[in-house]
Amino acid sequence: MNWPIERFFSLPKPSVMALVLAIGSFDYITGRDFALSPYYLVPISWVTWTMGRRAGIWLALASTLTWFISEGASRSPEEGADTAIWLATLPESGPSGGIFRDRQAVDW
């Protein structure tokens, strides 16, 4: 029989890495507002079940690296608000009309 679960687990294995990267991208976009780390277990479980322990360990390491990069690249709310508060508290003779990041003017 061709059960839906059998079709799901017969998907090409590179799609699993794409799923990890999609979860990592969504994790980066949402920042620290949502904890998406449990969702990395879905592809890890899938690969471990279908391909074995060694492949599961390698995907777990790749997922950990993806999660670490996405968490490290995102900012906390305090870090994000720092420049806006700094600009709001500058005297009127301070810089204006530009783009600022980390209290520095950005050329554009």
PDB file of N, CA and C in Angstrom:
ATOM      1  N   MET A   1       0.829  -1.181   0.000  1.00  0.00           N
ATOM      2  CA  MET A   1       0.000   0.000   0.000  1.00  0.00           C
ATOM      3  C   MET A   1       0.873   1.243   0.000  1.00  0.00           C
ATOM      4  N   ASN A   2       0.308   2.320  -0.464  1.00  0.00           N
ATOM      5  CA  ASN A   2       1.046   3.574  -0.540  1.00  0.00           C
ATOM      6  C   ASN A   2       0.431   4.561   0.446  1.00  0.00           C
ATOM      7  N   TRP A   3       0.731   4.365   1.705  1.00  0.00           N
ATOM      8  CA  TRP A   3       0.212   5.228   2.765  1.00  0.00           C
ATOM      9  C   TRP A   3       0.862   6.604   2.674  1.00  0.00           C
ATOM     10  N   PRO A   4       0.183   7.667   3.116  1.00  0.00           N
ATOM     11  CA  PRO A   4       0.778   9.020   3.073  1.00  0.00           C
ATOM     12  C   PRO A   4       2.091   9.101   3.844  1.00  0.00           C
ATOM     13  N   ILE A   5       2.186   8.387   4.968  1.00  0.00           N
ATOM     14  CA  ILE A   5       3.436   8.439   5.745  1.00  0.00           C
ATOM     15  C   ILE A   5       4.587   7.815   4.968  1.00  0.00           C
ATOM     16  N   GLU A   6       4.299   6.773   4.174  1.00  0.00           N
ATOM     17  CA  GLU A   6       5.352   6.157   3.361  1.00  0.00           C
ATOM     18  C   GLU A   6       5.818   7.105   2.264  1.00  0.00           C
ATOM     19  N   ARG A   7       4.887   7.838   1.680  1.00  0.00           N
ATOM     20  CA  ARG A   7       5.273   8.819   0.663  1.00  0.00           C
ATOM     21  C   ARG A   7       6.099   9.933   1.281  1.00  0.00           C
ATOM     22  N   PHE A   8       5.740  10.335   2.507  1.00  0.00           N
ATOM     23  CA  PHE A   8       6.479  11.398   3.189  1.00  0.00           C
ATOM     24  C   PHE A   8       7.927  10.986   3.428  1.00  0.00           C
ATOM     25  N   PHE A   9       8.130   9.768   3.903  1.00  0.00           N
ATOM     26  CA  PHE A   9       9.486   9.319   4.211  1.00  0.00           C
ATOM     27  C   PHE A   9      10.270   8.896   2.983  1.00  0.00           C
ATOM     28  N   SER A  10       9.636   8.840   1.824  1.00  0.00           N
ATOM     29  CA  SER A  10      10.372   8.499   0.614  1.00  0.00           C
ATOM     30  C   SER A  10      10.813   9.741  -0.150  1.00  0.00           C
ATOM     31  N   LEU A  11      10.627  10.918   0.430  1.00  0.00           N
ATOM     32  CA  LEU A  11      11.086  12.144  -0.220  1.00  0.00           C
ATOM     33  C   LEU A  11      12.610  12.123  -0.357  1.00  0.00           C
ATOM     34  N   PRO A  12      13.158  12.837  -1.339  1.00  0.00           N
ATOM     35  CA  PRO A  12      14.615  12.880  -1.492  1.00  0.00           C
ATOM     36  C   PRO A  12      15.286  13.453  -0.245  1.00  0.00           C
ATOM     37  N   LYS A  13      16.405  12.900   0.123  1.00  0.00           N
ATOM     38  CA  LYS A  13      17.082  13.302   1.353  1.00  0.00           C
ATOM     39  C   LYS A  13      17.647  14.721   1.321  1.00  0.00           C
ATOM     40  N   PRO A  14      18.044  15.275   0.157  1.00  0.00           N
ATOM     41  CA  PRO A  14      18.480  16.685   0.178  1.00  0.00           C
ATOM     42  C   PRO A  14      17.380  17.648   0.623  1.00  0.00           C
ATOM     43  N   SER A  15      16.132  17.234   0.472  1.00  0.00           N
ATOM     44  CA  SER A  15      15.049  18.106   0.919  1.00  0.00           C
ATOM     45  C   SER A  15      15.063  18.263   2.433  1.00  0.00           C
ATOM     46  N   VAL A  16      15.677  17.330   3.131  1.00  0.00           N
ATOM     47  CA  VAL A  16      15.777  17.437   4.586  1.00  0.00           C
ATOM     48  C   VAL A  16      16.690  18.603   4.954  1.00  0.00           C
ATOM     49  N   MET A  17      17.806  18.752   4.266  1.00  0.00           N
ATOM     50  CA  MET A  17      18.706  19.869   4.546  1.00  0.00           C
ATOM     51  C   MET A  17      18.035  21.193   4.187  1.00  0.00           C
ATOM     52  N   ALA A  18      17.229  21.184   3.128  1.00  0.00           N
ATOM     53  CA  ALA A  18      16.475  22.387   2.786  1.00  0.00           C
ATOM     54  C   ALA A  18      15.479  22.723   3.891  1.00  0.00           C
ATOM     55  N   LEU A  19      14.894  21.695   4.511  1.00  0.00           N
ATOM     56  CA  LEU A  19      13.966  21.919   5.617  1.00  0.00           C
ATOM     57  C   LEU A  19      14.698  22.524   6.815  1.00  0.00           C
ATOM     58  N   VAL A  20      15.898  22.045   7.098  1.00  0.00           N
ATOM     59  CA  VAL A  20      16.694  22.608   8.193  1.00  0.00           C
ATOM     60  C   VAL A  20      17.028  24.067   7.905  1.00  0.00           C
ATOM     61  N   LEU A  21      17.416  24.368   6.675  1.00  0.00           N
ATOM     62  CA  LEU A  21      17.738  25.748   6.317  1.00  0.00           C
ATOM     63  C   LEU A  21      16.493  26.636   6.361  1.00  0.00           C
ATOM     64  N   ALA A  22      15.341  26.094   5.997  1.00  0.00           N
ATOM     65  CA  ALA A  22      14.101  26.869   6.075  1.00  0.00           C
ATOM     66  C   ALA A  22      13.751  27.170   7.532  1.00  0.00           C
ATOM     67  N   ILE A  23      13.914  26.183   8.401  1.00  0.00           N
ATOM     68  CA  ILE A  23      13.659  26.409   9.826  1.00  0.00           C
ATOM     69  C   ILE A  23      14.637  27.444  10.367  1.00  0.00           C
ATOM     70  N   GLY A  24      15.910  27.339   9.972  1.00  0.00           N
ATOM     71  CA  GLY A  24      16.908  28.317  10.407  1.00  0.00           C
ATOM     72  C   GLY A  24      16.604  29.716   9.918  1.00  0.00           C
ATOM     73  N   SER A  25      16.124  29.837   8.681  1.00  0.00           N
ATOM     74  CA  SER A  25      15.767  31.153   8.144  1.00  0.00           C
ATOM     75  C   SER A  25      14.587  31.744   8.900  1.00  0.00           C
ATOM     76  N   PHE A  26      13.581  30.923   9.151  1.00  0.00           N
ATOM     77  CA  PHE A  26      12.424  31.402   9.902  1.00  0.00           C
ATOM     78  C   PHE A  26      12.819  31.752  11.335  1.00  0.00           C
ATOM     79  N   ASP A  27      13.742  30.983  11.897  1.00  0.00           N
ATOM     80  CA  ASP A  27      14.244  31.260  13.240  1.00  0.00           C
ATOM     81  C   ASP A  27      14.962  32.612  13.273  1.00  0.00           C
ATOM     82  N   TYR A  28      15.725  32.915  12.218  1.00  0.00           N
ATOM     83  CA  TYR A  28      16.427  34.194  12.133  1.00  0.00           C
ATOM     84  C   TYR A  28      15.434  35.347  11.978  1.00  0.00           C
ATOM     85  N   ILE A  29      14.417  35.152  11.123  1.00  0.00           N
ATOM     86  CA  ILE A  29      13.446  36.217  10.867  1.00  0.00           C
ATOM     87  C   ILE A  29      12.645  36.554  12.123  1.00  0.00           C
ATOM     88  N   THR A  30      12.229  35.543  12.858  1.00  0.00           N
ATOM     89  CA  THR A  30      11.432  35.792  14.064  1.00  0.00           C
ATOM     90  C   THR A  30      12.273  36.294  15.221  1.00  0.00           C
ATOM     91  N   GLY A  31      13.581  36.172  15.117  1.00  0.00           N
ATOM     92  CA  GLY A  31      14.462  36.652  16.182  1.00  0.00           C
ATOM     93  C   GLY A  31      14.312  35.838  17.448  1.00  0.00           C
ATOM     94  N   ARG A  32      14.426  36.499  18.555  1.00  0.00           N
ATOM     95  CA  ARG A  32      14.365  35.793  19.828  1.00  0.00           C
ATOM     96  C   ARG A  32      12.956  35.786  20.416  1.00  0.00           C
ATOM     97  N   ASP A  33      11.983  36.226  19.625  1.00  0.00           N
ATOM     98  CA  ASP A  33      10.610  36.273  20.106  1.00  0.00           C
ATOM     99  C   ASP A  33       9.990  34.887  20.220  1.00  0.00           C
ATOM    100  N   PHE A  34      10.370  33.978  19.319  1.00  0.00           N
ATOM    101  CA  PHE A  34       9.821  32.630  19.307  1.00  0.00           C
ATOM    102  C   PHE A  34      10.949  31.620  19.444  1.00  0.00           C
ATOM    103  N   ALA A  35      10.742  30.606  20.260  1.00  0.00           N
ATOM    104  CA  ALA A  35      11.730  29.543  20.426  1.00  0.00           C
ATOM    105  C   ALA A  35      11.433  28.443  19.407  1.00  0.00           C
ATOM    106  N   LEU A  36      12.207  28.382  18.341  1.00  0.00           N
ATOM    107  CA  LEU A  36      11.977  27.399  17.292  1.00  0.00           C
ATOM    108  C   LEU A  36      12.924  26.211  17.381  1.00  0.00           C
ATOM    109  N   SER A  37      13.744  26.149  18.398  1.00  0.00           N
ATOM    110  CA  SER A  37      14.706  25.052  18.495  1.00  0.00           C
ATOM    111  C   SER A  37      14.055  23.670  18.514  1.00  0.00           C
ATOM    112  N   PRO A  38      12.872  23.463  19.096  1.00  0.00           N
ATOM    113  CA  PRO A  38      12.278  22.117  19.034  1.00  0.00           C
ATOM    114  C   PRO A  38      11.946  21.666  17.610  1.00  0.00           C
ATOM    115  N   TYR A  39      11.706  22.611  16.699  1.00  0.00           N
ATOM    116  CA  TYR A  39      11.346  22.239  15.332  1.00  0.00           C
ATOM    117  C   TYR A  39      12.509  21.624  14.563  1.00  0.00           C
ATOM    118  N   TYR A  40      13.733  21.814  15.024  1.00  0.00           N
ATOM    119  CA  TYR A  40      14.871  21.168  14.383  1.00  0.00           C
ATOM    120  C   TYR A  40      14.837  19.654  14.596  1.00  0.00           C
ATOM    121  N   LEU A  41      14.089  19.185  15.579  1.00  0.00           N
ATOM    122  CA  LEU A  41      14.020  17.753  15.851  1.00  0.00           C
ATOM    123  C   LEU A  41      13.275  16.987  14.770  1.00  0.00           C
ATOM    124  N   VAL A  42      12.386  17.644  14.034  1.00  0.00           N
ATOM    125  CA  VAL A  42      11.612  16.959  12.997  1.00  0.00           C
ATOM    126  C   VAL A  42      12.526  16.384  11.919  1.00  0.00           C
ATOM    127  N   PRO A  43      13.377  17.186  11.256  1.00  0.00           N
ATOM    128  CA  PRO A  43      14.245  16.588  10.236  1.00  0.00           C
ATOM    129  C   PRO A  43      15.286  15.641  10.825  1.00  0.00           C
ATOM    130  N   ILE A  44      15.745  15.920  12.043  1.00  0.00           N
ATOM    131  CA  ILE A  44      16.735  15.027  12.655  1.00  0.00           C
ATOM    132  C   ILE A  44      16.106  13.656  12.895  1.00  0.00           C
ATOM    133  N   SER A  45      14.901  13.634  13.420  1.00  0.00           N
ATOM    134  CA  SER A  45      14.206  12.366  13.652  1.00  0.00           C
ATOM    135  C   SER A  45      13.942  11.641  12.341  1.00  0.00           C
ATOM    136  N   TRP A  46      13.541  12.396  11.334  1.00  0.00           N
ATOM    137  CA  TRP A  46      13.242  11.819  10.032  1.00  0.00           C
ATOM    138  C   TRP A  46      14.474  11.121   9.463  1.00  0.00           C
ATOM    139  N   VAL A  47      15.598  11.812   9.451  1.00  0.00           N
ATOM    140  CA  VAL A  47      16.815  11.243   8.873  1.00  0.00           C
ATOM    141  C   VAL A  47      17.322  10.069   9.706  1.00  0.00           C
ATOM    142  N   THR A  48      17.257  10.185  11.014  1.00  0.00           N
ATOM    143  CA  THR A  48      17.726   9.095  11.859  1.00  0.00           C
ATOM    144  C   THR A  48      16.873   7.850  11.630  1.00  0.00           C
ATOM    145  N   TRP A  49      15.586   8.022  11.480  1.00  0.00           N
ATOM    146  CA  TRP A  49      14.695   6.885  11.282  1.00  0.00           C
ATOM    147  C   TRP A  49      14.901   6.244   9.912  1.00  0.00           C
ATOM    148  N   THR A  50      15.078   7.067   8.887  1.00  0.00           N
ATOM    149  CA  THR A  50      15.159   6.519   7.526  1.00  0.00           C
ATOM    150  C   THR A  50      16.569   6.168   7.082  1.00  0.00           C
ATOM    151  N   MET A  51      17.575   6.863   7.581  1.00  0.00           N
ATOM    152  CA  MET A  51      18.939   6.654   7.078  1.00  0.00           C
ATOM    153  C   MET A  51      19.903   6.093   8.117  1.00  0.00           C
ATOM    154  N   GLY A  52      19.539   6.124   9.378  1.00  0.00           N
ATOM    155  CA  GLY A  52      20.411   5.551  10.393  1.00  0.00           C
ATOM    156  C   GLY A  52      21.005   6.589  11.324  1.00  0.00           C
ATOM    157  N   ARG A  53      21.674   6.063  12.336  1.00  0.00           N
ATOM    158  CA  ARG A  53      22.217   6.894  13.403  1.00  0.00           C
ATOM    159  C   ARG A  53      23.292   7.858  12.918  1.00  0.00           C
ATOM    160  N   ARG A  54      24.203   7.387  12.085  1.00  0.00           N
ATOM    161  CA  ARG A  54      25.303   8.247  11.623  1.00  0.00           C
ATOM    162  C   ARG A  54      24.780   9.469  10.868  1.00  0.00           C
ATOM    163  N   ALA A  55      23.840   9.257   9.963  1.00  0.00           N
ATOM    164  CA  ALA A  55      23.259  10.382   9.217  1.00  0.00           C
ATOM    165  C   ALA A  55      22.504  11.315  10.158  1.00  0.00           C
ATOM    166  N   GLY A  56      21.837  10.752  11.161  1.00  0.00           N
ATOM    167  CA  GLY A  56      21.127  11.574  12.141  1.00  0.00           C
ATOM    168  C   GLY A  56      22.063  12.445  12.952  1.00  0.00           C
ATOM    169  N   ILE A  57      23.218  11.884  13.307  1.00  0.00           N
ATOM    170  CA  ILE A  57      24.208  12.666  14.067  1.00  0.00           C
ATOM    171  C   ILE A  57      24.741  13.808  13.216  1.00  0.00           C
ATOM    172  N   TRP A  58      25.033  13.542  11.938  1.00  0.00           N
ATOM    173  CA  TRP A  58      25.538  14.599  11.063  1.00  0.00           C
ATOM    174  C   TRP A  58      24.498  15.703  10.867  1.00  0.00           C
ATOM    175  N   LEU A  59      23.238  15.306  10.711  1.00  0.00           N
ATOM    176  CA  LEU A  59      22.207  16.322  10.560  1.00  0.00           C
ATOM    177  C   LEU A  59      21.986  17.079  11.865  1.00  0.00           C
ATOM    178  N   ALA A  60      22.126  16.407  12.993  1.00  0.00           N
ATOM    179  CA  ALA A  60      22.016  17.095  14.286  1.00  0.00           C
ATOM    180  C   ALA A  60      23.111  18.141  14.421  1.00  0.00           C
ATOM    181  N   LEU A  61      24.315  17.814  13.981  1.00  0.00           N
ATOM    182  CA  LEU A  61      25.409  18.796  14.020  1.00  0.00           C
ATOM    183  C   LEU A  61      25.134  19.968  13.078  1.00  0.00           C
ATOM    184  N   ALA A  62      24.619  19.676  11.882  1.00  0.00           N
ATOM    185  CA  ALA A  62      24.284  20.749  10.935  1.00  0.00           C
ATOM    186  C   ALA A  62      23.150  21.611  11.481  1.00  0.00           C
ATOM    187  N   SER A  63      22.175  20.982  12.117  1.00  0.00           N
ATOM    188  CA  SER A  63      21.066  21.737  12.708  1.00  0.00           C
ATOM    189  C   SER A  63      21.536  22.615  13.854  1.00  0.00           C
ATOM    190  N   THR A  64      22.443  22.084  14.657  1.00  0.00           N
ATOM    191  CA  THR A  64      22.996  22.866  15.767  1.00  0.00           C
ATOM    192  C   THR A  64      23.744  24.081  15.245  1.00  0.00           C
ATOM    193  N   LEU A  65      24.525  23.898  14.210  1.00  0.00           N
ATOM    194  CA  LEU A  65      25.257  25.015  13.607  1.00  0.00           C
ATOM    195  C   LEU A  65      24.290  26.038  13.023  1.00  0.00           C
ATOM    196  N   THR A  66      23.252  25.578  12.332  1.00  0.00           N
ATOM    197  CA  THR A  66      22.249  26.486  11.774  1.00  0.00           C
ATOM    198  C   THR A  66      21.557  27.276  12.873  1.00  0.00           C
ATOM    199  N   TRP A  67      21.156  26.587  13.949  1.00  0.00           N
ATOM    200  CA  TRP A  67      20.495  27.255  15.070  1.00  0.00           C
ATOM    201  C   TRP A  67      21.426  28.277  15.724  1.00  0.00           C
ATOM    202  N   PHE A  68      22.697  27.893  15.907  1.00  0.00           N
ATOM    203  CA  PHE A  68      23.668  28.786  16.545  1.00  0.00           C
ATOM    204  C   PHE A  68      23.873  30.050  15.719  1.00  0.00           C
ATOM    205  N   ILE A  69      23.967  29.902  14.405  1.00  0.00           N
ATOM    206  CA  ILE A  69      24.163  31.063  13.526  1.00  0.00           C
ATOM    207  C   ILE A  69      22.928  31.955  13.545  1.00  0.00           C
ATOM    208  N   SER A  70      21.737  31.354  13.473  1.00  0.00           N
ATOM    209  CA  SER A  70      20.524  32.177  13.452  1.00  0.00           C
ATOM    210  C   SER A  70      20.300  32.892  14.780  1.00  0.00           C
ATOM    211  N   GLU A  71      20.623  32.264  15.882  1.00  0.00           N
ATOM    212  CA  GLU A  71      20.477  32.914  17.184  1.00  0.00           C
ATOM    213  C   GLU A  71      21.534  33.997  17.382  1.00  0.00           C
ATOM    214  N   GLY A  72      22.747  33.737  16.927  1.00  0.00           N
ATOM    215  CA  GLY A  72      23.814  34.713  17.090  1.00  0.00           C
ATOM    216  C   GLY A  72      23.648  35.930  16.220  1.00  0.00           C
ATOM    217  N   ALA A  73      22.997  35.758  15.067  1.00  0.00           N
ATOM    218  CA  ALA A  73      22.831  36.872  14.135  1.00  0.00           C
ATOM    219  C   ALA A  73      21.655  37.773  14.509  1.00  0.00           C
ATOM    220  N   SER A  74      20.705  37.238  15.251  1.00  0.00           N
ATOM    221  CA  SER A  74      19.542  38.057  15.613  1.00  0.00           C
ATOM    222  C   SER A  74      19.863  38.903  16.842  1.00  0.00           C
ATOM    223  N   ARG A  75      19.131  39.976  16.987  1.00  0.00           N
ATOM    224  CA  ARG A  75      19.358  40.908  18.091  1.00  0.00           C
ATOM    225  C   ARG A  75      18.254  40.782  19.128  1.00  0.00           C
ATOM    226  N   SER A  76      18.600  41.131  20.342  1.00  0.00           N
ATOM    227  CA  SER A  76      17.582  41.194  21.383  1.00  0.00           C
ATOM    228  C   SER A  76      16.804  42.500  21.214  1.00  0.00           C
ATOM    229  N   PRO A  77      15.628  42.623  21.812  1.00  0.00           N
ATOM    230  CA  PRO A  77      14.874  43.885  21.702  1.00  0.00           C
ATOM    231  C   PRO A  77      15.665  45.083  22.235  1.00  0.00           C
ATOM    232  N   GLU A  78      16.434  44.872  23.286  1.00  0.00           N
ATOM    233  CA  GLU A  78      17.228  45.972  23.840  1.00  0.00           C
ATOM    234  C   GLU A  78      18.299  46.422  22.852  1.00  0.00           C
ATOM    235  N   GLU A  79      18.940  45.465  22.173  1.00  0.00           N
ATOM    236  CA  GLU A  79      19.962  45.812  21.193  1.00  0.00           C
ATOM    237  C   GLU A  79      19.347  46.524  19.988  1.00  0.00           C
ATOM    238  N   GLY A  80      18.155  46.098  19.586  1.00  0.00           N
ATOM    239  CA  GLY A  80      17.494  46.722  18.453  1.00  0.00           C
ATOM    240  C   GLY A  80      17.037  48.145  18.743  1.00  0.00           C
ATOM    241  N   ALA A  81      16.639  48.415  19.977  1.00  0.00           N
ATOM    242  CA  ALA A  81      16.134  49.743  20.334  1.00  0.00           C
ATOM    243  C   ALA A  81      17.241  50.718  20.715  1.00  0.00           C
ATOM    244  N   ASP A  82      18.440  50.240  20.906  1.00  0.00           N
ATOM    245  CA  ASP A  82      19.528  51.084  21.399  1.00  0.00           C
ATOM    246  C   ASP A  82      19.776  52.292  20.501  1.00  0.00           C
ATOM    247  N   THR A  83      19.911  52.092  19.197  1.00  0.00           N
ATOM    248  CA  THR A  83      20.213  53.194  18.286  1.00  0.00           C
ATOM    249  C   THR A  83      19.053  54.180  18.204  1.00  0.00           C
ATOM    250  N   ALA A  84      17.815  53.675  18.191  1.00  0.00           N
ATOM    251  CA  ALA A  84      16.661  54.578  18.123  1.00  0.00           C
ATOM    252  C   ALA A  84      16.590  55.469  19.362  1.00  0.00           C
ATOM    253  N   ILE A  85      16.837  54.902  20.514  1.00  0.00           N
ATOM    254  CA  ILE A  85      16.823  55.698  21.752  1.00  0.00           C
ATOM    255  C   ILE A  85      17.983  56.685  21.750  1.00  0.00           C
ATOM    256  N   TRP A  86      19.132  56.259  21.282  1.00  0.00           N
ATOM    257  CA  TRP A  86      20.300  57.141  21.197  1.00  0.00           C
ATOM    258  C   TRP A  86      19.998  58.331  20.284  1.00  0.00           C
ATOM    259  N   LEU A  87      19.369  58.074  19.123  1.00  0.00           N
ATOM    260  CA  LEU A  87      19.040  59.165  18.207  1.00  0.00           C
ATOM    261  C   LEU A  87      17.999  60.105  18.804  1.00  0.00           C
ATOM    262  N   ALA A  88      17.048  59.560  19.537  1.00  0.00           N
ATOM    263  CA  ALA A  88      15.998  60.389  20.117  1.00  0.00           C
ATOM    264  C   ALA A  88      16.516  61.289  21.230  1.00  0.00           C
ATOM    265  N   THR A  89      17.592  60.904  21.864  1.00  0.00           N
ATOM    266  CA  THR A  89      18.113  61.696  22.987  1.00  0.00           C
ATOM    267  C   THR A  89      19.254  62.627  22.582  1.00  0.00           C
ATOM    268  N   LEU A  90      19.609  62.667  21.294  1.00  0.00           N
ATOM    269  CA  LEU A  90      20.662  63.575  20.833  1.00  0.00           C
ATOM    270  C   LEU A  90      20.154  65.011  20.837  1.00  0.00           C
ATOM    271  N   PRO A  91      21.051  65.986  20.993  1.00  0.00           N
ATOM    272  CA  PRO A  91      20.610  67.383  20.886  1.00  0.00           C
ATOM    273  C   PRO A  91      20.170  67.684  19.451  1.00  0.00           C
ATOM    274  N   GLU A  92      19.461  68.794  19.280  1.00  0.00           N
ATOM    275  CA  GLU A  92      18.946  69.138  17.947  1.00  0.00           C
ATOM    276  C   GLU A  92      20.056  69.373  16.936  1.00  0.00           C
ATOM    277  N   SER A  93      21.233  69.690  17.376  1.00  0.00           N
ATOM    278  CA  SER A  93      22.342  69.911  16.449  1.00  0.00           C
ATOM    279  C   SER A  93      23.015  68.592  16.046  1.00  0.00           C
ATOM    280  N   GLY A  94      22.505  67.477  16.545  1.00  0.00           N
ATOM    281  CA  GLY A  94      23.081  66.165  16.244  1.00  0.00           C
ATOM    282  C   GLY A  94      22.780  65.718  14.823  1.00  0.00           C
ATOM    283  N   PRO A  95      23.280  64.561  14.456  1.00  0.00           N
ATOM    284  CA  PRO A  95      23.065  64.070  13.085  1.00  0.00           C
ATOM    285  C   PRO A  95      21.592  63.780  12.818  1.00  0.00           C
ATOM    286  N   SER A  96      21.175  63.992  11.586  1.00  0.00           N
ATOM    287  CA  SER A  96      19.796  63.695  11.195  1.00  0.00           C
ATOM    288  C   SER A  96      19.762  63.425   9.698  1.00  0.00           C
ATOM    289  N   GLY A  97      18.648  62.848   9.242  1.00  0.00           N
ATOM    290  CA  GLY A  97      18.461  62.617   7.814  1.00  0.00           C
ATOM    291  C   GLY A  97      19.292  61.488   7.244  1.00  0.00           C
ATOM    292  N   GLY A  98      19.767  60.591   8.057  1.00  0.00           N
ATOM    293  CA  GLY A  98      20.576  59.488   7.560  1.00  0.00           C
ATOM    294  C   GLY A  98      20.068  58.149   8.058  1.00  0.00           C
ATOM    295  N   ILE A  99      20.820  57.131   7.735  1.00  0.00           N
ATOM    296  CA  ILE A  99      20.534  55.781   8.205  1.00  0.00           C
ATOM    297  C   ILE A  99      21.604  55.425   9.224  1.00  0.00           C
ATOM    298  N   PHE A 100      21.180  54.923  10.361  1.00  0.00           N
ATOM    299  CA  PHE A 100      22.113  54.619  11.448  1.00  0.00           C
ATOM    300  C   PHE A 100      21.971  53.168  11.880  1.00  0.00           C
ATOM    301  N   ARG A 101      23.077  52.560  12.225  1.00  0.00           N
ATOM    302  CA  ARG A 101      23.101  51.202  12.768  1.00  0.00           C
ATOM    303  C   ARG A 101      24.210  51.150  13.802  1.00  0.00           C
ATOM    304  N   ASP A 102      23.884  50.637  14.972  1.00  0.00           N
ATOM    305  CA  ASP A 102      24.844  50.539  16.077  1.00  0.00           C
ATOM    306  C   ASP A 102      25.478  51.894  16.385  1.00  0.00           C
ATOM    307  N   ARG A 103      24.656  52.926  16.394  1.00  0.00           N
ATOM    308  CA  ARG A 103      25.076  54.302  16.690  1.00  0.00           C
ATOM    309  C   ARG A 103      26.085  54.861  15.712  1.00  0.00           C
ATOM    310  N   GLN A 104      26.114  54.306  14.509  1.00  0.00           N
ATOM    311  CA  GLN A 104      27.023  54.747  13.456  1.00  0.00           C
ATOM    312  C   GLN A 104      26.206  55.064  12.202  1.00  0.00           C
ATOM    313  N   ALA A 105      26.602  56.115  11.476  1.00  0.00           N
ATOM    314  CA  ALA A 105      25.949  56.424  10.207  1.00  0.00           C
ATOM    315  C   ALA A 105      26.357  55.387   9.172  1.00  0.00           C
ATOM    316  N   VAL A 106      25.374  54.962   8.369  1.00  0.00           N
ATOM    317  CA  VAL A 106      25.607  53.975   7.321  1.00  0.00           C
ATOM    318  C   VAL A 106      25.538  54.680   5.977  1.00  0.00           C
ATOM    319  N   ASP A 107      26.567  54.503   5.149  1.00  0.00           N
ATOM    320  CA  ASP A 107      26.575  55.090   3.813  1.00  0.00           C
ATOM    321  C   ASP A 107      25.620  54.307   2.929  1.00  0.00           C
ATOM    322  N   TRP A 108      24.888  55.052   2.106  1.00  0.00           N
ATOM    323  CA  TRP A 108      23.977  54.371   1.187  1.00  0.00           C
ATOM    324  C   TRP A 108      23.931  55.028  -0.130  1.00  0.00           C
TER     325      TRP A 108
END
